[in-house]
N, C-alpha and C. Protein backbone atom coordinates (compact mmCIF):
# COMPACT_ATOMS: atom_id res chain seq x y z
N MET A 1 21.54 6.03 -13.26
CA MET A 1 20.13 5.60 -13.28
C MET A 1 19.77 4.86 -12.00
N GLY A 2 20.60 3.84 -11.63
CA GLY A 2 20.30 3.05 -10.44
C GLY A 2 20.36 3.89 -9.18
N LYS A 3 21.39 4.73 -9.06
CA LYS A 3 21.54 5.57 -7.87
C LYS A 3 20.40 6.58 -7.78
N ARG A 4 20.04 7.20 -8.91
CA ARG A 4 18.95 8.17 -8.93
C ARG A 4 17.64 7.52 -8.52
N TRP A 5 17.41 6.30 -9.04
CA TRP A 5 16.18 5.58 -8.69
C TRP A 5 16.12 5.29 -7.20
N GLN A 6 17.25 4.93 -6.59
CA GLN A 6 17.29 4.65 -5.16
C GLN A 6 16.97 5.90 -4.35
N ILE A 7 17.46 7.05 -4.79
CA ILE A 7 17.18 8.32 -4.09
C ILE A 7 15.71 8.66 -4.18
N GLU A 8 15.12 8.52 -5.40
CA GLU A 8 13.70 8.82 -5.58
C GLU A 8 12.84 7.86 -4.78
N LYS A 9 13.27 6.61 -4.71
CA LYS A 9 12.54 5.58 -3.97
C LYS A 9 12.44 5.96 -2.49
N LYS A 10 13.51 6.45 -1.92
CA LYS A 10 13.53 6.81 -0.50
C LYS A 10 12.64 8.02 -0.21
N LYS A 11 12.43 8.85 -1.21
CA LYS A 11 11.58 10.03 -1.02
C LYS A 11 10.11 9.69 -1.25
N GLU A 12 9.84 8.57 -1.89
CA GLU A 12 8.48 8.23 -2.31
C GLU A 12 7.60 7.93 -1.09
N HIS A 13 6.36 8.39 -1.14
CA HIS A 13 5.45 8.35 0.02
C HIS A 13 5.28 6.95 0.59
N TYR A 14 4.93 5.98 -0.25
CA TYR A 14 4.63 4.64 0.27
C TYR A 14 5.88 3.93 0.77
N TYR A 15 7.02 4.22 0.18
CA TYR A 15 8.27 3.66 0.67
C TYR A 15 8.54 4.16 2.09
N ARG A 16 8.38 5.47 2.30
CA ARG A 16 8.61 6.06 3.62
C ARG A 16 7.58 5.57 4.63
N SER A 17 6.34 5.41 4.18
CA SER A 17 5.29 4.92 5.08
C SER A 17 5.56 3.49 5.51
N ALA A 18 6.04 2.66 4.58
CA ALA A 18 6.35 1.27 4.91
C ALA A 18 7.45 1.19 5.97
N LYS A 19 8.46 2.05 5.84
CA LYS A 19 9.52 2.09 6.84
C LYS A 19 8.97 2.51 8.20
N LYS A 20 8.11 3.50 8.20
CA LYS A 20 7.55 4.04 9.43
C LYS A 20 6.64 3.04 10.12
N GLU A 21 5.85 2.29 9.34
CA GLU A 21 4.87 1.36 9.90
C GLU A 21 5.39 -0.07 9.98
N ASN A 22 6.70 -0.24 9.73
CA ASN A 22 7.36 -1.55 9.86
C ASN A 22 6.80 -2.62 8.92
N TYR A 23 6.46 -2.21 7.71
CA TYR A 23 6.09 -3.18 6.69
C TYR A 23 7.34 -3.62 5.94
N ARG A 24 7.32 -4.85 5.47
CA ARG A 24 8.48 -5.40 4.77
C ARG A 24 8.75 -4.67 3.45
N SER A 25 7.71 -4.17 2.80
CA SER A 25 7.89 -3.45 1.54
C SER A 25 6.69 -2.55 1.28
N ARG A 26 6.87 -1.61 0.36
CA ARG A 26 5.78 -0.70 -0.02
C ARG A 26 4.63 -1.47 -0.68
N ALA A 27 4.92 -2.68 -1.17
CA ALA A 27 3.89 -3.51 -1.82
C ALA A 27 2.77 -3.88 -0.84
N SER A 28 3.06 -3.80 0.45
CA SER A 28 2.02 -4.11 1.44
C SER A 28 0.78 -3.25 1.21
N TYR A 29 0.98 -2.01 0.82
CA TYR A 29 -0.14 -1.09 0.62
C TYR A 29 -0.99 -1.48 -0.59
N LYS A 30 -0.35 -2.11 -1.57
CA LYS A 30 -1.11 -2.57 -2.74
C LYS A 30 -2.15 -3.61 -2.31
N LEU A 31 -1.70 -4.59 -1.53
CA LEU A 31 -2.63 -5.62 -1.08
C LEU A 31 -3.67 -5.04 -0.13
N GLN A 32 -3.27 -4.17 0.74
CA GLN A 32 -4.22 -3.52 1.64
C GLN A 32 -5.33 -2.83 0.86
N GLN A 33 -4.95 -2.03 -0.11
CA GLN A 33 -5.91 -1.24 -0.88
C GLN A 33 -6.82 -2.13 -1.73
N ILE A 34 -6.24 -3.16 -2.34
CA ILE A 34 -7.05 -4.08 -3.15
C ILE A 34 -8.01 -4.87 -2.27
N ASN A 35 -7.50 -5.35 -1.13
CA ASN A 35 -8.35 -6.17 -0.26
C ASN A 35 -9.46 -5.34 0.40
N ASN A 36 -9.17 -4.11 0.72
CA ASN A 36 -10.20 -3.24 1.30
C ASN A 36 -11.38 -3.07 0.35
N LYS A 37 -11.08 -3.05 -0.94
CA LYS A 37 -12.12 -2.83 -1.95
C LYS A 37 -12.83 -4.12 -2.36
N TYR A 38 -12.08 -5.20 -2.51
CA TYR A 38 -12.64 -6.43 -3.09
C TYR A 38 -12.82 -7.59 -2.11
N LYS A 39 -12.34 -7.44 -0.88
CA LYS A 39 -12.54 -8.47 0.16
C LYS A 39 -12.07 -9.85 -0.30
N ILE A 40 -10.88 -9.89 -0.83
CA ILE A 40 -10.32 -11.16 -1.34
C ILE A 40 -9.96 -12.10 -0.19
N ILE A 41 -9.36 -11.54 0.86
CA ILE A 41 -8.93 -12.32 2.03
C ILE A 41 -9.84 -11.99 3.21
N LYS A 42 -10.32 -13.04 3.89
CA LYS A 42 -11.19 -12.85 5.05
C LYS A 42 -10.60 -13.57 6.27
N ALA A 43 -11.10 -13.21 7.43
CA ALA A 43 -10.66 -13.85 8.67
C ALA A 43 -10.88 -15.36 8.59
N GLY A 44 -9.87 -16.11 9.00
CA GLY A 44 -9.96 -17.56 9.02
C GLY A 44 -9.53 -18.25 7.73
N ASP A 45 -9.24 -17.49 6.70
CA ASP A 45 -8.83 -18.07 5.42
C ASP A 45 -7.44 -18.71 5.50
N VAL A 46 -7.23 -19.71 4.66
CA VAL A 46 -5.89 -20.24 4.40
C VAL A 46 -5.42 -19.60 3.10
N VAL A 47 -4.31 -18.88 3.17
CA VAL A 47 -3.82 -18.10 2.04
C VAL A 47 -2.46 -18.63 1.57
N LEU A 48 -2.32 -18.78 0.26
CA LEU A 48 -1.05 -19.18 -0.34
C LEU A 48 -0.47 -17.97 -1.06
N ASP A 49 0.72 -17.52 -0.62
CA ASP A 49 1.38 -16.35 -1.18
C ASP A 49 2.56 -16.83 -2.03
N LEU A 50 2.42 -16.73 -3.34
CA LEU A 50 3.43 -17.22 -4.28
C LEU A 50 4.39 -16.11 -4.67
N GLY A 51 5.67 -16.39 -4.60
CA GLY A 51 6.68 -15.36 -4.89
C GLY A 51 6.65 -14.28 -3.82
N ALA A 52 6.71 -14.70 -2.58
CA ALA A 52 6.35 -13.84 -1.44
C ALA A 52 7.44 -12.89 -0.95
N ALA A 53 8.70 -13.17 -1.23
CA ALA A 53 9.79 -12.34 -0.67
C ALA A 53 9.67 -10.89 -1.14
N PRO A 54 9.96 -9.96 -0.24
CA PRO A 54 10.48 -10.08 1.14
C PRO A 54 9.40 -10.29 2.20
N GLY A 55 8.13 -10.39 1.79
CA GLY A 55 7.07 -10.68 2.76
C GLY A 55 6.05 -9.58 2.95
N GLY A 56 6.06 -8.58 2.08
CA GLY A 56 5.11 -7.46 2.22
C GLY A 56 3.66 -7.89 2.15
N TRP A 57 3.34 -8.76 1.19
CA TRP A 57 1.97 -9.26 1.07
C TRP A 57 1.66 -10.27 2.16
N THR A 58 2.63 -11.09 2.50
CA THR A 58 2.45 -12.07 3.57
C THR A 58 2.05 -11.38 4.86
N GLN A 59 2.71 -10.29 5.15
CA GLN A 59 2.47 -9.53 6.38
C GLN A 59 1.02 -9.04 6.44
N VAL A 60 0.51 -8.51 5.34
CA VAL A 60 -0.88 -8.03 5.30
C VAL A 60 -1.85 -9.21 5.37
N ALA A 61 -1.51 -10.30 4.67
CA ALA A 61 -2.38 -11.49 4.70
C ALA A 61 -2.51 -12.04 6.11
N LEU A 62 -1.42 -12.05 6.87
CA LEU A 62 -1.47 -12.52 8.26
C LEU A 62 -2.40 -11.65 9.11
N GLN A 63 -2.37 -10.35 8.86
CA GLN A 63 -3.27 -9.45 9.58
C GLN A 63 -4.72 -9.74 9.23
N GLN A 64 -4.98 -10.05 7.98
CA GLN A 64 -6.36 -10.26 7.53
C GLN A 64 -6.94 -11.60 8.00
N VAL A 65 -6.15 -12.66 7.98
CA VAL A 65 -6.69 -13.98 8.33
C VAL A 65 -6.86 -14.17 9.83
N GLY A 66 -6.11 -13.41 10.63
CA GLY A 66 -6.20 -13.54 12.08
C GLY A 66 -5.65 -14.85 12.59
N LYS A 67 -5.87 -15.14 13.84
CA LYS A 67 -5.31 -16.34 14.49
C LYS A 67 -5.92 -17.63 13.97
N GLU A 68 -7.14 -17.55 13.44
CA GLU A 68 -7.82 -18.76 12.97
C GLU A 68 -7.41 -19.16 11.55
N GLY A 69 -6.74 -18.26 10.84
CA GLY A 69 -6.32 -18.54 9.47
C GLY A 69 -4.89 -19.04 9.41
N LYS A 70 -4.37 -19.08 8.19
CA LYS A 70 -3.01 -19.58 7.98
C LYS A 70 -2.48 -18.95 6.69
N VAL A 71 -1.19 -18.62 6.67
CA VAL A 71 -0.55 -18.09 5.47
C VAL A 71 0.69 -18.91 5.16
N ILE A 72 0.74 -19.45 3.94
CA ILE A 72 1.90 -20.20 3.47
C ILE A 72 2.58 -19.37 2.40
N ALA A 73 3.82 -18.99 2.64
CA ALA A 73 4.58 -18.17 1.70
C ALA A 73 5.61 -19.03 0.98
N VAL A 74 5.75 -18.81 -0.32
CA VAL A 74 6.68 -19.59 -1.12
C VAL A 74 7.56 -18.65 -1.94
N ASP A 75 8.85 -18.86 -1.91
CA ASP A 75 9.76 -18.05 -2.74
C ASP A 75 11.11 -18.75 -2.86
N LEU A 76 11.81 -18.42 -3.94
CA LEU A 76 13.17 -18.92 -4.11
C LEU A 76 14.10 -18.34 -3.06
N LYS A 77 13.83 -17.09 -2.67
CA LYS A 77 14.64 -16.42 -1.66
C LYS A 77 14.08 -16.69 -0.28
N ARG A 78 14.97 -16.78 0.71
CA ARG A 78 14.52 -16.99 2.08
C ARG A 78 13.84 -15.74 2.61
N ILE A 79 12.76 -15.93 3.36
CA ILE A 79 12.02 -14.83 3.98
C ILE A 79 12.29 -14.83 5.48
N LYS A 80 12.57 -13.67 6.01
CA LYS A 80 12.74 -13.54 7.44
C LYS A 80 11.44 -13.95 8.12
N PRO A 81 11.49 -14.86 9.12
CA PRO A 81 10.26 -15.36 9.74
C PRO A 81 9.43 -14.26 10.39
N PHE A 82 8.12 -14.50 10.44
CA PHE A 82 7.21 -13.65 11.19
C PHE A 82 6.94 -14.31 12.55
N LYS A 83 6.53 -13.51 13.51
CA LYS A 83 6.30 -14.03 14.86
C LYS A 83 5.05 -14.89 14.96
N GLU A 84 4.12 -14.69 14.03
CA GLU A 84 2.85 -15.43 14.09
C GLU A 84 3.08 -16.93 13.90
N SER A 85 2.42 -17.73 14.71
CA SER A 85 2.58 -19.18 14.64
C SER A 85 1.85 -19.79 13.44
N ASN A 86 0.97 -19.02 12.82
CA ASN A 86 0.24 -19.52 11.65
C ASN A 86 0.88 -19.08 10.34
N PHE A 87 2.16 -18.74 10.40
CA PHE A 87 2.96 -18.43 9.21
C PHE A 87 3.86 -19.61 8.89
N TYR A 88 3.86 -20.01 7.62
CA TYR A 88 4.70 -21.12 7.16
C TYR A 88 5.45 -20.70 5.90
N PHE A 89 6.70 -21.09 5.81
CA PHE A 89 7.50 -20.71 4.65
C PHE A 89 8.06 -21.94 3.96
N ILE A 90 7.98 -21.93 2.64
CA ILE A 90 8.56 -22.98 1.81
C ILE A 90 9.52 -22.32 0.83
N GLN A 91 10.77 -22.72 0.85
CA GLN A 91 11.75 -22.14 -0.07
C GLN A 91 11.88 -23.01 -1.31
N GLY A 92 11.65 -22.39 -2.47
CA GLY A 92 11.76 -23.13 -3.72
C GLY A 92 10.96 -22.47 -4.83
N ASP A 93 10.97 -23.09 -5.98
CA ASP A 93 10.30 -22.60 -7.18
C ASP A 93 8.87 -23.14 -7.20
N PHE A 94 7.88 -22.27 -7.04
CA PHE A 94 6.50 -22.74 -6.92
C PHE A 94 5.95 -23.32 -8.23
N THR A 95 6.68 -23.17 -9.34
CA THR A 95 6.23 -23.77 -10.60
C THR A 95 6.63 -25.24 -10.69
N GLN A 96 7.48 -25.71 -9.76
CA GLN A 96 7.95 -27.09 -9.78
C GLN A 96 7.04 -28.01 -8.97
N LYS A 97 6.81 -29.21 -9.48
CA LYS A 97 5.86 -30.14 -8.86
C LYS A 97 6.26 -30.51 -7.43
N GLU A 98 7.56 -30.68 -7.17
CA GLU A 98 7.96 -31.09 -5.82
C GLU A 98 7.64 -30.01 -4.79
N ILE A 99 7.73 -28.74 -5.20
CA ILE A 99 7.37 -27.65 -4.29
C ILE A 99 5.86 -27.61 -4.11
N GLN A 100 5.12 -27.86 -5.18
CA GLN A 100 3.66 -27.90 -5.08
C GLN A 100 3.20 -29.04 -4.17
N ASP A 101 3.90 -30.17 -4.22
CA ASP A 101 3.59 -31.29 -3.32
C ASP A 101 3.87 -30.91 -1.86
N THR A 102 4.94 -30.14 -1.64
CA THR A 102 5.26 -29.67 -0.29
C THR A 102 4.17 -28.72 0.20
N ILE A 103 3.68 -27.87 -0.69
CA ILE A 103 2.58 -26.95 -0.33
C ILE A 103 1.37 -27.74 0.11
N ILE A 104 1.03 -28.78 -0.63
CA ILE A 104 -0.15 -29.61 -0.29
C ILE A 104 0.00 -30.21 1.10
N GLN A 105 1.21 -30.65 1.42
CA GLN A 105 1.45 -31.22 2.75
C GLN A 105 1.25 -30.18 3.85
N LYS A 106 1.69 -28.96 3.59
CA LYS A 106 1.58 -27.89 4.58
C LYS A 106 0.13 -27.46 4.81
N ILE A 107 -0.65 -27.37 3.73
CA ILE A 107 -2.01 -26.86 3.87
C ILE A 107 -3.00 -27.95 4.24
N ASP A 108 -2.59 -29.22 4.07
CA ASP A 108 -3.46 -30.34 4.42
C ASP A 108 -4.80 -30.22 3.69
N GLY A 109 -4.74 -29.99 2.40
CA GLY A 109 -5.96 -29.85 1.62
C GLY A 109 -5.81 -28.78 0.57
N LYS A 110 -6.76 -27.85 0.53
CA LYS A 110 -6.71 -26.75 -0.42
C LYS A 110 -6.87 -25.42 0.30
N VAL A 111 -6.69 -24.33 -0.45
CA VAL A 111 -6.69 -22.99 0.17
C VAL A 111 -7.88 -22.17 -0.32
N GLU A 112 -8.24 -21.17 0.50
CA GLU A 112 -9.32 -20.26 0.11
C GLU A 112 -8.84 -19.15 -0.83
N VAL A 113 -7.56 -18.79 -0.70
CA VAL A 113 -7.04 -17.65 -1.45
C VAL A 113 -5.61 -17.92 -1.93
N ILE A 114 -5.34 -17.53 -3.19
CA ILE A 114 -3.97 -17.53 -3.71
C ILE A 114 -3.65 -16.10 -4.14
N ILE A 115 -2.51 -15.60 -3.67
CA ILE A 115 -2.05 -14.26 -4.06
C ILE A 115 -0.65 -14.37 -4.65
N CYS A 116 -0.36 -13.51 -5.62
CA CYS A 116 0.96 -13.56 -6.26
C CYS A 116 1.33 -12.18 -6.78
N ASP A 117 2.37 -11.60 -6.19
CA ASP A 117 2.89 -10.30 -6.61
C ASP A 117 4.24 -10.48 -7.30
N ALA A 118 4.51 -11.70 -7.76
CA ALA A 118 5.82 -12.03 -8.33
C ALA A 118 5.96 -11.51 -9.75
N SER A 119 7.20 -11.24 -10.12
CA SER A 119 7.57 -10.92 -11.50
C SER A 119 8.73 -11.83 -11.88
N PRO A 120 8.79 -12.26 -13.16
CA PRO A 120 9.92 -13.11 -13.58
C PRO A 120 11.18 -12.28 -13.71
N SER A 121 12.30 -12.95 -13.79
CA SER A 121 13.56 -12.26 -14.09
C SER A 121 13.47 -11.70 -15.51
N LEU A 122 13.75 -10.41 -15.65
CA LEU A 122 13.59 -9.75 -16.95
C LEU A 122 14.93 -9.50 -17.61
N TYR A 123 14.92 -9.52 -18.96
CA TYR A 123 16.14 -9.37 -19.73
C TYR A 123 16.27 -8.00 -20.38
N GLY A 124 15.19 -7.20 -20.32
CA GLY A 124 15.23 -5.90 -20.99
C GLY A 124 14.86 -5.98 -22.46
N ILE A 125 14.42 -7.16 -22.91
CA ILE A 125 13.95 -7.36 -24.28
C ILE A 125 12.44 -7.53 -24.21
N LYS A 126 11.71 -6.59 -24.75
CA LYS A 126 10.27 -6.48 -24.53
C LYS A 126 9.51 -7.78 -24.79
N ASP A 127 9.70 -8.38 -25.95
CA ASP A 127 8.94 -9.57 -26.33
C ASP A 127 9.25 -10.75 -25.40
N ILE A 128 10.52 -10.93 -25.10
CA ILE A 128 10.92 -12.04 -24.21
C ILE A 128 10.39 -11.81 -22.81
N ASP A 129 10.52 -10.59 -22.30
CA ASP A 129 10.05 -10.28 -20.96
C ASP A 129 8.53 -10.47 -20.84
N GLN A 130 7.79 -10.05 -21.87
CA GLN A 130 6.34 -10.21 -21.85
C GLN A 130 5.95 -11.68 -21.86
N GLN A 131 6.66 -12.48 -22.67
CA GLN A 131 6.37 -13.91 -22.73
C GLN A 131 6.65 -14.58 -21.39
N ARG A 132 7.74 -14.20 -20.73
CA ARG A 132 8.06 -14.76 -19.42
C ARG A 132 7.00 -14.38 -18.39
N THR A 133 6.49 -13.15 -18.49
CA THR A 133 5.45 -12.70 -17.58
C THR A 133 4.17 -13.50 -17.77
N MET A 134 3.80 -13.73 -19.03
CA MET A 134 2.59 -14.51 -19.31
C MET A 134 2.76 -15.96 -18.89
N ASN A 135 3.96 -16.52 -19.08
CA ASN A 135 4.22 -17.90 -18.64
C ASN A 135 4.05 -18.02 -17.13
N LEU A 136 4.52 -17.00 -16.41
CA LEU A 136 4.36 -17.01 -14.96
C LEU A 136 2.88 -16.98 -14.58
N GLY A 137 2.12 -16.13 -15.26
CA GLY A 137 0.68 -16.06 -15.01
C GLY A 137 -0.02 -17.38 -15.28
N GLU A 138 0.37 -18.04 -16.36
CA GLU A 138 -0.20 -19.35 -16.68
C GLU A 138 0.10 -20.36 -15.58
N ASN A 139 1.31 -20.31 -15.03
CA ASN A 139 1.69 -21.22 -13.96
C ASN A 139 0.87 -20.96 -12.70
N VAL A 140 0.64 -19.68 -12.39
CA VAL A 140 -0.18 -19.34 -11.22
C VAL A 140 -1.60 -19.86 -11.40
N LEU A 141 -2.14 -19.72 -12.61
CA LEU A 141 -3.50 -20.22 -12.88
C LEU A 141 -3.55 -21.74 -12.75
N LYS A 142 -2.52 -22.44 -13.22
CA LYS A 142 -2.47 -23.90 -13.09
C LYS A 142 -2.47 -24.30 -11.62
N ILE A 143 -1.72 -23.58 -10.80
CA ILE A 143 -1.68 -23.88 -9.38
C ILE A 143 -3.05 -23.62 -8.74
N ALA A 144 -3.70 -22.55 -9.18
CA ALA A 144 -5.05 -22.26 -8.68
C ALA A 144 -6.00 -23.39 -9.04
N ASN A 145 -5.92 -23.90 -10.25
CA ASN A 145 -6.77 -25.01 -10.68
C ASN A 145 -6.54 -26.24 -9.81
N TYR A 146 -5.34 -26.37 -9.32
CA TYR A 146 -4.90 -27.55 -8.56
C TYR A 146 -5.16 -27.41 -7.06
N LEU A 147 -4.99 -26.19 -6.51
CA LEU A 147 -4.96 -26.03 -5.06
C LEU A 147 -6.07 -25.15 -4.48
N LEU A 148 -6.84 -24.47 -5.33
CA LEU A 148 -7.84 -23.53 -4.81
C LEU A 148 -9.17 -24.24 -4.54
N LYS A 149 -9.76 -23.92 -3.41
CA LYS A 149 -11.07 -24.47 -3.05
C LYS A 149 -12.16 -23.89 -3.95
N ASP A 150 -13.25 -24.62 -4.07
CA ASP A 150 -14.41 -24.10 -4.78
C ASP A 150 -14.85 -22.77 -4.14
N LYS A 151 -15.14 -21.78 -4.95
CA LYS A 151 -15.53 -20.42 -4.55
C LYS A 151 -14.36 -19.62 -3.96
N GLY A 152 -13.13 -20.13 -4.12
CA GLY A 152 -11.95 -19.42 -3.64
C GLY A 152 -11.60 -18.23 -4.52
N ASN A 153 -10.63 -17.44 -4.06
CA ASN A 153 -10.24 -16.20 -4.74
C ASN A 153 -8.78 -16.21 -5.15
N LEU A 154 -8.49 -15.48 -6.23
CA LEU A 154 -7.14 -15.37 -6.76
C LEU A 154 -6.81 -13.91 -7.04
N LEU A 155 -5.61 -13.50 -6.66
CA LEU A 155 -5.12 -12.16 -6.97
C LEU A 155 -3.68 -12.28 -7.47
N MET A 156 -3.42 -11.76 -8.67
CA MET A 156 -2.05 -11.82 -9.16
C MET A 156 -1.71 -10.62 -10.02
N LYS A 157 -0.41 -10.32 -10.05
CA LYS A 157 0.10 -9.22 -10.86
C LYS A 157 0.30 -9.69 -12.29
N SER A 158 0.06 -8.78 -13.24
CA SER A 158 0.34 -9.06 -14.63
C SER A 158 0.69 -7.75 -15.32
N PHE A 159 1.03 -7.84 -16.58
CA PHE A 159 1.37 -6.66 -17.38
C PHE A 159 0.65 -6.74 -18.72
N GLN A 160 0.06 -5.64 -19.13
CA GLN A 160 -0.63 -5.61 -20.40
C GLN A 160 0.36 -5.74 -21.55
N GLY A 161 -0.06 -6.47 -22.57
CA GLY A 161 0.80 -6.71 -23.71
C GLY A 161 0.40 -8.01 -24.37
N SER A 162 1.28 -8.55 -25.19
CA SER A 162 1.01 -9.80 -25.89
C SER A 162 0.71 -10.94 -24.90
N GLY A 163 -0.41 -11.62 -25.13
CA GLY A 163 -0.79 -12.75 -24.29
C GLY A 163 -1.67 -12.38 -23.11
N TYR A 164 -1.77 -11.10 -22.80
CA TYR A 164 -2.53 -10.66 -21.63
C TYR A 164 -4.02 -10.98 -21.76
N GLU A 165 -4.61 -10.69 -22.92
CA GLU A 165 -6.03 -10.94 -23.13
C GLU A 165 -6.34 -12.43 -23.10
N ASP A 166 -5.43 -13.25 -23.63
CA ASP A 166 -5.64 -14.71 -23.61
C ASP A 166 -5.63 -15.23 -22.18
N LEU A 167 -4.71 -14.72 -21.36
CA LEU A 167 -4.66 -15.13 -19.96
C LEU A 167 -5.95 -14.71 -19.25
N LEU A 168 -6.41 -13.51 -19.55
CA LEU A 168 -7.64 -13.00 -18.93
C LEU A 168 -8.83 -13.88 -19.29
N LYS A 169 -8.91 -14.32 -20.54
CA LYS A 169 -10.01 -15.19 -20.97
C LYS A 169 -9.99 -16.53 -20.23
N LYS A 170 -8.80 -17.08 -20.04
CA LYS A 170 -8.68 -18.36 -19.33
C LYS A 170 -9.13 -18.22 -17.88
N ILE A 171 -8.77 -17.09 -17.26
CA ILE A 171 -9.18 -16.86 -15.87
C ILE A 171 -10.70 -16.71 -15.79
N LYS A 172 -11.29 -16.02 -16.74
CA LYS A 172 -12.74 -15.78 -16.73
C LYS A 172 -13.52 -17.07 -16.86
N LYS A 173 -12.94 -18.09 -17.49
CA LYS A 173 -13.61 -19.38 -17.62
C LYS A 173 -13.71 -20.11 -16.29
N ARG A 174 -12.78 -19.79 -15.37
CA ARG A 174 -12.71 -20.55 -14.12
C ARG A 174 -13.25 -19.81 -12.91
N PHE A 175 -13.58 -18.51 -13.06
CA PHE A 175 -14.04 -17.71 -11.93
C PHE A 175 -15.34 -16.98 -12.29
N LYS A 176 -16.16 -16.75 -11.29
CA LYS A 176 -17.44 -16.09 -11.51
C LYS A 176 -17.27 -14.60 -11.81
N VAL A 177 -16.35 -13.96 -11.10
CA VAL A 177 -16.13 -12.52 -11.27
C VAL A 177 -14.65 -12.27 -11.48
N VAL A 178 -14.31 -11.54 -12.54
CA VAL A 178 -12.92 -11.19 -12.81
C VAL A 178 -12.83 -9.69 -13.08
N LYS A 179 -11.94 -9.03 -12.38
CA LYS A 179 -11.74 -7.60 -12.54
C LYS A 179 -10.25 -7.29 -12.63
N THR A 180 -9.93 -6.13 -13.16
CA THR A 180 -8.54 -5.66 -13.17
C THR A 180 -8.47 -4.32 -12.45
N THR A 181 -7.35 -4.08 -11.80
CA THR A 181 -7.21 -2.83 -11.06
C THR A 181 -5.75 -2.44 -10.96
N LYS A 182 -5.53 -1.18 -10.69
CA LYS A 182 -4.20 -0.67 -10.38
C LYS A 182 -4.35 0.20 -9.14
N PRO A 183 -3.90 -0.30 -7.98
CA PRO A 183 -4.11 0.44 -6.73
C PRO A 183 -3.35 1.74 -6.69
N PRO A 184 -3.78 2.70 -5.87
CA PRO A 184 -3.10 4.00 -5.77
C PRO A 184 -1.63 3.90 -5.42
N SER A 185 -1.25 2.85 -4.68
CA SER A 185 0.15 2.71 -4.25
C SER A 185 1.05 2.16 -5.35
N SER A 186 0.47 1.73 -6.47
CA SER A 186 1.29 1.29 -7.60
C SER A 186 1.90 2.50 -8.27
N ARG A 187 3.17 2.42 -8.63
CA ARG A 187 3.83 3.56 -9.26
C ARG A 187 3.15 3.91 -10.58
N LYS A 188 2.95 5.20 -10.80
CA LYS A 188 2.29 5.67 -12.02
C LYS A 188 3.06 5.26 -13.27
N SER A 189 4.38 5.17 -13.15
CA SER A 189 5.21 4.82 -14.30
C SER A 189 5.18 3.33 -14.63
N SER A 190 4.62 2.52 -13.73
CA SER A 190 4.60 1.08 -13.93
C SER A 190 3.41 0.66 -14.78
N SER A 191 3.62 -0.33 -15.64
CA SER A 191 2.54 -0.86 -16.47
C SER A 191 1.85 -2.06 -15.81
N GLU A 192 2.18 -2.31 -14.55
CA GLU A 192 1.59 -3.46 -13.87
C GLU A 192 0.09 -3.29 -13.67
N MET A 193 -0.61 -4.41 -13.74
CA MET A 193 -2.03 -4.48 -13.44
C MET A 193 -2.23 -5.64 -12.47
N TYR A 194 -3.33 -5.60 -11.73
CA TYR A 194 -3.65 -6.70 -10.84
C TYR A 194 -4.95 -7.35 -11.26
N LEU A 195 -4.90 -8.66 -11.42
CA LEU A 195 -6.06 -9.45 -11.84
C LEU A 195 -6.73 -10.00 -10.59
N ILE A 196 -7.99 -9.67 -10.42
CA ILE A 196 -8.78 -10.11 -9.27
C ILE A 196 -9.81 -11.11 -9.77
N ALA A 197 -9.74 -12.33 -9.27
CA ALA A 197 -10.66 -13.39 -9.69
C ALA A 197 -11.36 -13.95 -8.47
N LEU A 198 -12.67 -13.80 -8.43
CA LEU A 198 -13.48 -14.19 -7.27
C LEU A 198 -14.43 -15.32 -7.64
N GLY A 199 -14.59 -16.27 -6.72
CA GLY A 199 -15.56 -17.34 -6.91
C GLY A 199 -15.07 -18.42 -7.88
N PHE A 200 -14.03 -19.14 -7.49
CA PHE A 200 -13.47 -20.20 -8.33
C PHE A 200 -14.50 -21.29 -8.59
N LYS A 201 -14.60 -21.70 -9.85
CA LYS A 201 -15.55 -22.76 -10.25
C LYS A 201 -14.75 -24.06 -10.38
N ALA A 202 -14.67 -24.78 -9.28
CA ALA A 202 -13.79 -25.94 -9.21
C ALA A 202 -14.19 -27.04 -10.19
N ASN A 203 -15.45 -27.15 -10.51
CA ASN A 203 -15.93 -28.25 -11.34
C ASN A 203 -16.17 -27.86 -12.79
N SER A 204 -15.75 -26.65 -13.18
CA SER A 204 -16.00 -26.22 -14.55
C SER A 204 -14.93 -26.75 -15.51
């Protein structure tokens, strides 16, 4: 199974394109496609990329914000540095307060955009895996409530199932516009969805 999946992965269009265009991962195309449609990240934005390794989304975010913006990437795994001087990396668990305090020090305030393509460690047990996924989503929303500027944007991965609708309702209370999408570069076999939340209501 694992070997077959690796062979199919190497033949897959977006995997080959990422290698050719020097992207860190095929996930770069997901953010590209979503951002082209919804304009989540703009030039000059400060972007917080949660669960960023190996850096596929970070790479696209750096292209979008330009020299006037900033991208802070956070992950338990170390990320190979980018050449851009406006790239910052924090190694650690973004759900922990000490890491969140470090993020605040780096951004010197709050951010315009939070993106998260992270998935929790899965056990292969449907109910447990779904609960861990929803817990991760709840943590991302808590961080958004804490670190996102008024009218800021949020983009995160989720999976449909138990708890998904409740998470969606909570996000809708805090943002003016909430949409869900599955970009063309997402594997057809995957149940992943992307939650797009625009216009954070900081005082609600």
